[in-house]
Structures are given as C-alpha cells and as structure tokens.
Amino acid sequence: MSGIKDPYAVLGVDRYAQDSEIRESYERLKAAHEGDSTALEQIEQAYGILSDLQKRAEYDIKGKVSPVRSHTRKKQVDGIIRARNTLNTLFLVGAAVTLVFFILQWCGYSRTPFYWACGISMILKVAEYILRLIP
C-alpha cells in the first residue's frame, strides 16, 4: 500500500479496536468524505488493511503490508524457475558430454564433436543467465 498513512490514524480508531468499531468508523468517514476522492482512497486502503485479520496482523508486526502477488504472476515465476532448472540440467549433461569429447580429443580422436559440445553448453548457460534477468 504505497503512500498510506497509519490506518489506525486514518480511521481514527485505537490499535485495540474491535471489528465493529472499525466498520462504524469506516462508514462514518466514507459518508463524511463522499466528494473527496483522495481521502476516500486512503480510507478504503486503511479499511482494507484493518478489516482483514491477516493484513492487520502483518501491519501490527511489520508496520506495513506487503503487496500480494497475483496468482497469474506466481504461475509465470514458477514457469521461469522450471525453465532455469531445465536449462541447468541440460548444461550439466552438456558439460559431461563435453568432458567425454575432450578426453576423446586428448587421446587423438576428431576435434569437431568437442567444439560442438562446448558451443551447445555455452548457449545453454547463456540462456539460463538471461532467464535470471527476468524478475
């Protein structure tokens, strides 16, 4: 809740006020500030915090309420994390294959597969780092 003052002060209630007192104060202030959109917005935000038991407890402990992530955003973040984990796994497999090709090259076999394996591993790692930049 950006820019909100102390919700208790906005609604004019005590920290130990009951839900009924908070609701009455909210309705009274809402009626009194009917034309003032800024005041109404602050009253709505304050009531939103104090009427929700979890948000009120969080405010009492931390002095602020954390913004809630939407369900869709959480799914997107989970998808990005899964993609990063998959790329890391593929990178590890690519690193193992690169090691095998390196040993084969060291023993005198062809160099081409070694360079291909190195390139693919690097591409996977770069892609994983790019995914880390997405918030």
C-alpha atoms as a PDB file:
ATOM      1  CA  MET A   1       0.000   0.000   0.000  1.00  0.00           C
ATOM      2  CA  SER A   2       2.019   2.886  -1.259  1.00  0.00           C
ATOM      3  CA  GLY A   3       1.650   6.281   0.369  1.00  0.00           C
ATOM      4  CA  ILE A   4      -0.804   5.171   3.033  1.00  0.00           C
ATOM      5  CA  LYS A   5      -0.569   6.680   6.476  1.00  0.00           C
ATOM      6  CA  ASP A   6      -1.163   4.747   9.653  1.00  0.00           C
ATOM      7  CA  PRO A   7      -4.509   3.007   9.011  1.00  0.00           C
ATOM      8  CA  TYR A   8      -5.485   3.401  12.662  1.00  0.00           C
ATOM      9  CA  ALA A   9      -4.955   7.170  12.430  1.00  0.00           C
ATOM     10  CA  VAL A  10      -6.790   7.391   9.095  1.00  0.00           C
ATOM     11  CA  LEU A  11      -9.863   5.679  10.541  1.00  0.00           C
ATOM     12  CA  GLY A  12      -9.457   7.357  13.928  1.00  0.00           C
ATOM     13  CA  VAL A  13      -9.577   4.143  15.950  1.00  0.00           C
ATOM     14  CA  ASP A  14      -7.445   2.658  18.683  1.00  0.00           C
ATOM     15  CA  ARG A  15      -4.985  -0.175  17.954  1.00  0.00           C
ATOM     16  CA  TYR A  16      -7.153  -2.469  20.065  1.00  0.00           C
ATOM     17  CA  ALA A  17     -10.422  -1.516  18.344  1.00  0.00           C
ATOM     18  CA  GLN A  18     -12.954  -4.237  17.632  1.00  0.00           C
ATOM     19  CA  ASP A  19     -14.099  -5.052  14.094  1.00  0.00           C
ATOM     20  CA  SER A  20     -17.450  -3.367  14.721  1.00  0.00           C
ATOM     21  CA  GLU A  21     -15.728  -0.118  15.803  1.00  0.00           C
ATOM     22  CA  ILE A  22     -13.527  -0.186  12.702  1.00  0.00           C
ATOM     23  CA  ARG A  23     -16.544  -0.776  10.422  1.00  0.00           C
ATOM     24  CA  GLU A  24     -18.540   2.041  12.067  1.00  0.00           C
ATOM     25  CA  SER A  25     -15.650   4.473  11.756  1.00  0.00           C
ATOM     26  CA  TYR A  26     -15.124   3.449   8.126  1.00  0.00           C
ATOM     27  CA  GLU A  27     -18.786   4.004   7.234  1.00  0.00           C
ATOM     28  CA  ARG A  28     -18.885   7.336   9.090  1.00  0.00           C
ATOM     29  CA  LEU A  29     -15.714   8.635   7.393  1.00  0.00           C
ATOM     30  CA  LYS A  30     -16.819   7.346   3.996  1.00  0.00           C
ATOM     31  CA  ALA A  31     -20.076   9.294   4.296  1.00  0.00           C
ATOM     32  CA  ALA A  32     -18.270  12.406   5.566  1.00  0.00           C
ATOM     33  CA  HIS A  33     -15.710  12.476   2.710  1.00  0.00           C
ATOM     34  CA  GLU A  34     -18.071  11.493  -0.098  1.00  0.00           C
ATOM     35  CA  GLY A  35     -16.731  14.015  -2.649  1.00  0.00           C
ATOM     36  CA  ASP A  36     -13.013  13.833  -1.797  1.00  0.00           C
ATOM     37  CA  SER A  37     -11.517  11.009  -3.882  1.00  0.00           C
ATOM     38  CA  THR A  38      -8.064  11.209  -2.257  1.00  0.00           C
ATOM     39  CA  ALA A  39      -9.457  10.910   1.252  1.00  0.00           C
ATOM     40  CA  LEU A  40     -11.825   8.134   0.165  1.00  0.00           C
ATOM     41  CA  GLU A  41      -8.938   6.196  -1.357  1.00  0.00           C
ATOM     42  CA  GLN A  42      -6.938   6.418   1.873  1.00  0.00           C
ATOM     43  CA  ILE A  43      -9.994   5.427   3.922  1.00  0.00           C
ATOM     44  CA  GLU A  44     -10.602   2.435   1.623  1.00  0.00           C
ATOM     45  CA  GLN A  45      -6.963   1.328   1.889  1.00  0.00           C
ATOM     46  CA  ALA A  46      -6.937   1.717   5.669  1.00  0.00           C
ATOM     47  CA  TYR A  47     -10.170  -0.258   5.983  1.00  0.00           C
ATOM     48  CA  GLY A  48      -8.788  -2.892   3.600  1.00  0.00           C
ATOM     49  CA  ILE A  49      -5.878  -3.441   5.972  1.00  0.00           C
ATOM     50  CA  LEU A  50      -7.763  -3.313   9.265  1.00  0.00           C
ATOM     51  CA  SER A  51     -10.758  -5.378   8.145  1.00  0.00           C
ATOM     52  CA  ASP A  52      -8.584  -8.292   7.006  1.00  0.00           C
ATOM     53  CA  LEU A  53      -7.232 -10.154  10.031  1.00  0.00           C
ATOM     54  CA  GLN A  54      -4.066 -11.338   8.266  1.00  0.00           C
ATOM     55  CA  LYS A  55      -3.225  -7.896   6.809  1.00  0.00           C
ATOM     56  CA  ARG A  56      -3.921  -6.248  10.152  1.00  0.00           C
ATOM     57  CA  ALA A  57      -1.597  -8.653  11.961  1.00  0.00           C
ATOM     58  CA  GLU A  58       1.102  -8.098   9.345  1.00  0.00           C
ATOM     59  CA  TYR A  59       0.735  -4.320   9.719  1.00  0.00           C
ATOM     60  CA  ASP A  60       0.879  -4.552  13.518  1.00  0.00           C
ATOM     61  CA  ILE A  61       4.087  -6.605  13.327  1.00  0.00           C
ATOM     62  CA  LYS A  62       5.927  -5.008  10.399  1.00  0.00           C
ATOM     63  CA  GLY A  63       4.392  -1.562  10.207  1.00  0.00           C
ATOM     64  CA  LYS A  64       3.441  -2.174   6.573  1.00  0.00           C
ATOM     65  CA  VAL A  65       1.556  -4.634   4.416  1.00  0.00           C
ATOM     66  CA  SER A  66       3.376  -6.493   1.651  1.00  0.00           C
ATOM     67  CA  PRO A  67       1.815  -6.311  -1.793  1.00  0.00           C
ATOM     68  CA  VAL A  68       0.032  -9.506  -2.770  1.00  0.00           C
ATOM     69  CA  ARG A  69       1.265 -11.326  -5.866  1.00  0.00           C
ATOM     70  CA  SER A  70      -1.415 -12.306  -8.251  1.00  0.00           C
ATOM     71  CA  HIS A  71      -1.963 -15.981  -8.976  1.00  0.00           C
ATOM     72  CA  THR A  72      -1.050 -15.427 -12.632  1.00  0.00           C
ATOM     73  CA  ARG A  73       2.260 -13.777 -11.725  1.00  0.00           C
ATOM     74  CA  LYS A  74       3.103 -16.675  -9.401  1.00  0.00           C
ATOM     75  CA  LYS A  75       2.482 -19.127 -12.270  1.00  0.00           C
ATOM     76  CA  GLN A  76       4.788 -17.096 -14.526  1.00  0.00           C
ATOM     77  CA  VAL A  77       7.546 -17.058 -11.913  1.00  0.00           C
ATOM     78  CA  ASP A  78       7.148 -20.806 -11.353  1.00  0.00           C
ATOM     79  CA  GLY A  79       7.431 -21.359 -15.114  1.00  0.00           C
ATOM     80  CA  ILE A  80      10.613 -19.306 -15.291  1.00  0.00           C
ATOM     81  CA  ILE A  81      12.118 -21.233 -12.369  1.00  0.00           C
ATOM     82  CA  ARG A  82      11.258 -24.547 -14.056  1.00  0.00           C
ATOM     83  CA  ALA A  83      12.826 -23.334 -17.313  1.00  0.00           C
ATOM     84  CA  ARG A  84      16.004 -22.285 -15.473  1.00  0.00           C
ATOM     85  CA  ASN A  85      16.207 -25.649 -13.714  1.00  0.00           C
ATOM     86  CA  THR A  86      15.752 -27.468 -17.021  1.00  0.00           C
ATOM     87  CA  LEU A  87      18.469 -25.385 -18.673  1.00  0.00           C
ATOM     88  CA  ASN A  88      20.811 -26.019 -15.732  1.00  0.00           C
ATOM     89  CA  THR A  89      20.199 -29.766 -16.026  1.00  0.00           C
ATOM     90  CA  LEU A  90      20.844 -29.673 -19.763  1.00  0.00           C
ATOM     91  CA  PHE A  91      24.013 -27.652 -19.118  1.00  0.00           C
ATOM     92  CA  LEU A  92      25.270 -30.278 -16.686  1.00  0.00           C
ATOM     93  CA  VAL A  93      24.565 -33.025 -19.212  1.00  0.00           C
ATOM     94  CA  GLY A  94      26.315 -30.950 -21.876  1.00  0.00           C
ATOM     95  CA  ALA A  95      29.289 -30.437 -19.568  1.00  0.00           C
ATOM     96  CA  ALA A  96      29.551 -34.199 -19.031  1.00  0.00           C
ATOM     97  CA  VAL A  97      29.370 -34.835 -22.785  1.00  0.00           C
ATOM     98  CA  THR A  98      31.969 -32.110 -23.350  1.00  0.00           C
ATOM     99  CA  LEU A  99      34.279 -33.812 -20.872  1.00  0.00           C
ATOM    100  CA  VAL A 100      33.917 -37.125 -22.700  1.00  0.00           C
ATOM    101  CA  PHE A 101      34.653 -35.458 -26.046  1.00  0.00           C
ATOM    102  CA  PHE A 102      37.636 -33.659 -24.510  1.00  0.00           C
ATOM    103  CA  ILE A 103      39.062 -36.943 -23.296  1.00  0.00           C
ATOM    104  CA  LEU A 104      38.480 -38.464 -26.748  1.00  0.00           C
ATOM    105  CA  GLN A 105      40.198 -35.497 -28.401  1.00  0.00           C
ATOM    106  CA  TRP A 106      43.108 -35.733 -25.986  1.00  0.00           C
ATOM    107  CA  CYS A 107      43.519 -39.389 -26.970  1.00  0.00           C
ATOM    108  CA  GLY A 108      43.844 -38.344 -30.619  1.00  0.00           C
ATOM    109  CA  TYR A 109      40.305 -38.640 -31.999  1.00  0.00           C
ATOM    110  CA  SER A 110      38.473 -35.962 -34.018  1.00  0.00           C
ATOM    111  CA  ARG A 111      38.097 -32.449 -32.572  1.00  0.00           C
ATOM    112  CA  THR A 112      34.783 -31.477 -34.127  1.00  0.00           C
ATOM    113  CA  PRO A 113      32.426 -33.076 -31.549  1.00  0.00           C
ATOM    114  CA  PHE A 114      34.343 -31.373 -28.721  1.00  0.00           C
ATOM    115  CA  TYR A 115      33.793 -27.905 -30.189  1.00  0.00           C
ATOM    116  CA  TRP A 116      30.125 -28.616 -30.848  1.00  0.00           C
ATOM    117  CA  ALA A 117      29.619 -29.789 -27.277  1.00  0.00           C
ATOM    118  CA  CYS A 118      31.387 -26.705 -25.897  1.00  0.00           C
ATOM    119  CA  GLY A 119      29.241 -24.412 -28.036  1.00  0.00           C
ATOM    120  CA  ILE A 120      25.979 -26.058 -27.048  1.00  0.00           C
ATOM    121  CA  SER A 121      26.903 -25.964 -23.355  1.00  0.00           C
ATOM    122  CA  MET A 122      27.748 -22.277 -23.596  1.00  0.00           C
ATOM    123  CA  ILE A 123      24.466 -21.481 -25.368  1.00  0.00           C
ATOM    124  CA  LEU A 124      22.511 -23.288 -22.631  1.00  0.00           C
ATOM    125  CA  LYS A 125      24.343 -21.418 -19.883  1.00  0.00           C
ATOM    126  CA  VAL A 126      23.834 -18.036 -21.563  1.00  0.00           C
ATOM    127  CA  ALA A 127      20.112 -18.786 -21.936  1.00  0.00           C
ATOM    128  CA  GLU A 128      19.921 -19.679 -18.237  1.00  0.00           C
ATOM    129  CA  TYR A 129      21.632 -16.416 -17.276  1.00  0.00           C
ATOM    130  CA  ILE A 130      19.225 -14.455 -19.477  1.00  0.00           C
ATOM    131  CA  LEU A 131      16.314 -16.093 -17.621  1.00  0.00           C
ATOM    132  CA  ARG A 132      17.852 -14.898 -14.335  1.00  0.00           C
ATOM    133  CA  LEU A 133      17.386 -11.310 -15.530  1.00  0.00           C
ATOM    134  CA  ILE A 134      13.608 -11.740 -15.693  1.00  0.00           C
ATOM    135  CA  PRO A 135      12.139 -10.594 -12.363  1.00  0.00           C
END
